[in-house]
Amino acid sequence: MSGTSPILVWIRRDLRLADHAALTAAGASGRPVVAVFIHDEVVETLGAAPKWRLGLGVAEFARQLETIGARLLLRRGRALKVLRGLLAETGARAVYWQRAYDPASQARDTEVKAGLKSDGVDAQSFAGQMLFEPWTAQTKSGGYYKVFTPFWRALKDRGVSAPVATVKALPAPASWPRSETLDDWQMGAAMHRGAAVTGQFVRVGEPATLDRLADFIETRVTQYAETRDVPAVAGTSRLSEHLAWGEISPRVAWFAGQRALHEGKAGADVFLKQLIWREFAYHLLHHTPHIASENWRHDWDAFPWNKDPETPEVRAWKQGRTGIEFVDAAMRELYVTGYMHNRARMIVASYLTKHLLCHWRIGLAWFEEHLIDWDVANNAMGWQWAAGSGPDAAPFFRIFNPDTQLDRFDPDRTYVRRWIAEGQSAPPATALQYFQAIPRAWRLSPDDPYPAPVVALKAGRARALAAYQSRGF
């Protein structure tokens, strides 16, 4: 029976047909393939924007499977229970999936694999989310890397396996099991009226992703080193959204960057380094999973950060009403688009944790709720880097001055005008869309006066340095 019974392929954050090892292996078996996405215990915990964006990606991937004569089944429930039910329905005796590396997913997957194997089911996991398995990079002493630069040196010339071919067809079962619908799940419910606004800025699905990559390599990679820090220009690849949901594999992006490098395109090496930063984040998450929720450096545990997410200062930060233009523009970009420029992420994180002396977990949770490219490893590493409590962190005494950063990276205030309506006689649509997306309960209007700083930059910096000194840093 195992020679003709179907194989279930459990789809997770790998919404693509190119370089999909689990789908490829299942298709190569010649047996019927039933792909299933499960709204499981891990999906249930996602924040508003990530869950909504995942739902869009699942819908697009279902359409993509239909173009090759396949389908995507949708089921909701605890993963192991759902898979056992589908095995009984279909007569399948095998389940394939691609590995995940965050603690919650690993706990789920460990339970699933153990349960299925105890049932006599062929349960196989495949690599696919990373260039390298996180445990394969080791220092000369056999430990893990705590600093990025030696990690980059160790991996940049290490061979990356070529992507597997795009799946063109999958054998179909004699009959398809029933499927739930995305409408049943209401994955965008927590977005409320913001979904209509943010939906104008997303690009969903593998075909759109490959177009975005091709355009970046063709037209922008040569200036990448100079423009990637300028928030007002389209200087980055914008692949983070697609890597987060597996609409492109990192190997496809890596080989595109390598081709650009071999063609002599300036900026390609910097792009490749950004892909390795992603690897570094997961390397750290694998070896020190507490980075996602606790200070990576435990000597920061007693630091007197504010932990109350409802203080007036924190509320002003969340609403983009701190009176600091770079911070406010960035926070509004996030609310409107579900995305924030990387330079801006560093500025808003530094401001919250240093000028406002608020715990980095407040910012981490806000990003987890609002980023369409939310990624547990990158989010945790980024926040702890900015706060000073993480590995390879910015020195705790380095406190970004948002005004001088704005003078450097947005000297003509194009980025500020794009996102802050107050004070402009004719604000652009992007700045006004913020007021269309935010909760009505905030009672904000573009006609409001722009606020004075909740904390003056000089005073905030002095307060932070005094706090560091008092704790012996």
Foldseek 3Di string as FASTA:
>chain_A
DQLAFEEEEEAFLALFQWLFVQQVVRQVSVYFYAYEYECAPVLVPFAQQQLVLLLLQVVQSQVVQVVQVHGYFYYYYHVQVVVVVVCVVRVHQEYEYEDDQAPVRVVSVVVNVVVSVVVVGHYYYHHFLAQDDLLPDADPVGHFDLAQPVLCVRPVPDDGDARDGGDRHGHHGPDDDDHDDSVVVPSNVVQPLLCVQQVVQDDYALVSLVVLLVCCLVPAQLCLVPQLLFQLDPRDSPCLLSSLSSRDTVNVSLVSLVVSVVVVRHNSVVNNSVSVVVSVLSSCCNVPVCLLPDQQACLCVPQPADADCPDPCNVCQQCLQQQQLLSSLQNLCQLRHLDGRPNSLLQSLLCCCFLVVHDLVSVLVSNSNGHSSDDSSVSSQSNSQSNVRGGNHDHNLDRDDSVVSCCVNPVVCSSSQQAQLAPDPDGDPSNQVSVSRDDCVVVDDSPDHRDHHPGDPVRSSVVRVVSCVVSPD
